[in-house]
Protein backbone atom coordinates (compact mmCIF):
# COMPACT_ATOMS: atom_id res chain seq x y z
CA UNK A 1 19.23 -3.15 1.97
CA UNK A 2 18.44 -1.41 -1.13
CA UNK A 3 15.24 -0.23 0.41
CA UNK A 4 17.09 1.89 3.07
CA UNK A 5 18.28 4.62 0.84
CA UNK A 6 15.80 6.94 -0.61
CA UNK A 7 18.13 7.59 -3.50
CA UNK A 8 17.68 4.16 -4.72
CA UNK A 9 13.96 4.40 -5.48
CA UNK A 10 14.91 5.43 -8.88
CA UNK A 11 16.77 2.28 -9.70
CA UNK A 12 15.27 -0.67 -11.62
CA UNK A 13 16.11 -2.73 -8.48
CA UNK A 14 13.87 -0.74 -6.37
CA UNK A 15 11.03 -0.96 -8.85
CA UNK A 16 11.58 -4.70 -8.94
CA UNK A 17 11.70 -4.92 -5.19
CA UNK A 18 8.33 -3.07 -4.90
CA UNK A 19 6.68 -5.43 -7.58
CA UNK A 20 8.05 -8.45 -5.74
CA UNK A 21 6.74 -7.24 -2.35
CA UNK A 22 3.44 -6.44 -3.85
CA UNK A 23 2.92 -9.80 -5.52
CA UNK A 24 4.68 -12.08 -3.04
CA UNK A 25 2.71 -10.68 0.06
CA UNK A 26 -0.55 -11.45 -1.77
CA UNK A 27 -0.11 -15.07 -1.47
CA UNK A 28 2.40 -15.44 1.36
CA UNK A 29 1.85 -12.72 4.14
CA UNK A 30 4.83 -12.08 6.27
CA UNK A 31 4.28 -9.26 8.87
CA UNK A 32 7.92 -7.98 9.02
CA UNK A 33 8.16 -7.97 5.22
CA UNK A 34 4.93 -6.05 4.90
CA UNK A 35 6.05 -3.46 7.39
CA UNK A 36 9.19 -2.85 5.50
CA UNK A 37 7.27 -2.60 2.33
CA UNK A 38 4.72 -0.16 3.82
CA UNK A 39 7.46 2.17 5.43
CA UNK A 40 9.68 2.16 2.19
CA UNK A 41 6.54 2.90 0.02
CA UNK A 42 5.37 5.62 2.31
CA UNK A 43 8.84 7.20 2.84
CA UNK A 44 9.48 7.31 -0.83
CA UNK A 45 6.01 8.65 -1.69
CA UNK A 46 6.19 11.36 1.16
CA UNK A 47 9.78 12.47 0.05
CA UNK A 48 8.56 12.94 -3.54
CA UNK A 49 10.39 9.97 -5.05
CA UNK A 50 7.31 8.79 -7.05
CA UNK A 51 4.20 6.76 -6.37
CA UNK A 52 5.12 3.46 -7.78
CA UNK A 53 5.79 1.92 -4.22
CA UNK A 54 2.40 3.29 -2.85
CA UNK A 55 0.73 2.06 -6.03
CA UNK A 56 2.12 -1.48 -5.39
CA UNK A 57 1.01 -1.25 -1.75
CA UNK A 58 -2.56 -0.31 -2.60
CA UNK A 59 -2.59 -3.18 -5.12
CA UNK A 60 -1.45 -5.56 -2.13
CA UNK A 61 -4.31 -4.11 0.08
CA UNK A 62 -6.92 -4.75 -2.71
CA UNK A 63 -5.95 -8.19 -3.58
CA UNK A 64 -4.88 -9.49 -0.07
CA UNK A 65 -8.07 -8.29 1.46
CA UNK A 66 -10.14 -9.91 -1.21
CA UNK A 67 -8.36 -13.16 -0.46
CA UNK A 68 -8.35 -12.98 3.36
CA UNK A 69 -9.70 -9.99 5.42
CA UNK A 70 -7.05 -8.93 7.88
CA UNK A 71 -8.24 -6.00 10.07
CA UNK A 72 -4.78 -4.56 10.53
CA UNK A 73 -4.23 -4.42 6.57
CA UNK A 74 -7.68 -2.86 6.28
CA UNK A 75 -6.97 -0.27 8.97
CA UNK A 76 -3.66 0.66 7.29
CA UNK A 77 -5.43 0.86 3.85
CA UNK A 78 -7.97 3.19 5.29
CA UNK A 79 -5.65 5.43 7.24
CA UNK A 80 -3.38 5.99 4.29
CA UNK A 81 -6.20 6.66 1.88
CA UNK A 82 -7.38 9.23 4.45
CA UNK A 83 -4.00 10.86 4.81
CA UNK A 84 -3.72 11.07 0.97
CA UNK A 85 -7.24 12.63 0.66
CA UNK A 86 -6.13 15.31 3.38
CA UNK A 87 -3.23 16.03 0.97
CA UNK A 88 -5.59 16.51 -1.80
CA UNK A 89 -5.48 13.17 -3.56
CA UNK A 90 -9.12 12.45 -4.09
CA UNK A 91 -8.57 9.57 -6.35
CA UNK A 92 -7.15 7.41 -3.44
CA UNK A 93 -10.21 7.90 -1.45
CA UNK A 94 -12.50 7.17 -4.43
CA UNK A 95 -10.61 3.90 -4.89
CA UNK A 96 -10.81 3.07 -1.33
CA UNK A 97 -14.52 3.78 -1.10
CA UNK A 98 -15.18 1.74 -4.40
CA UNK A 99 -13.30 -1.15 -2.76
CA UNK A 100 -15.51 -0.96 0.39
CA UNK A 101 -18.78 -0.75 -1.63
CA UNK A 102 -17.73 -3.59 -4.06
CA UNK A 103 -16.87 -5.92 -1.15
CA UNK A 104 -19.60 -4.74 1.22
CA UNK A 105 -17.05 -3.75 3.82
CA UNK A 106 -18.27 -0.97 5.99
CA UNK A 107 -15.14 1.08 6.98
CA UNK A 108 -16.95 2.51 10.05
CA UNK A 109 -17.52 -1.02 11.69
CA UNK A 110 -13.82 -2.21 11.53
């Protein structure tokens, strides 16, 4: 419930929640938990409440995709990286492309 209010993104509890989601979902994937994590991280980021949530989300993509490739996760990773690039965040696309190159994943074939 703490995740539902954008004002709570600055509390230590929200930082803890983002860390928990990012680490827990690496090992035990739960689709509904992932969707809540993704929505909260993107909302907070888009509303200017900081980038900690999206940073944890990108960490999840990197680690989870190395452990087990899931096309849905990869597509979300790719879409968010492209959206950020369009906003002028070139670093995200550099990191995404580096991930693809280092893993041999071709983003055009997925």
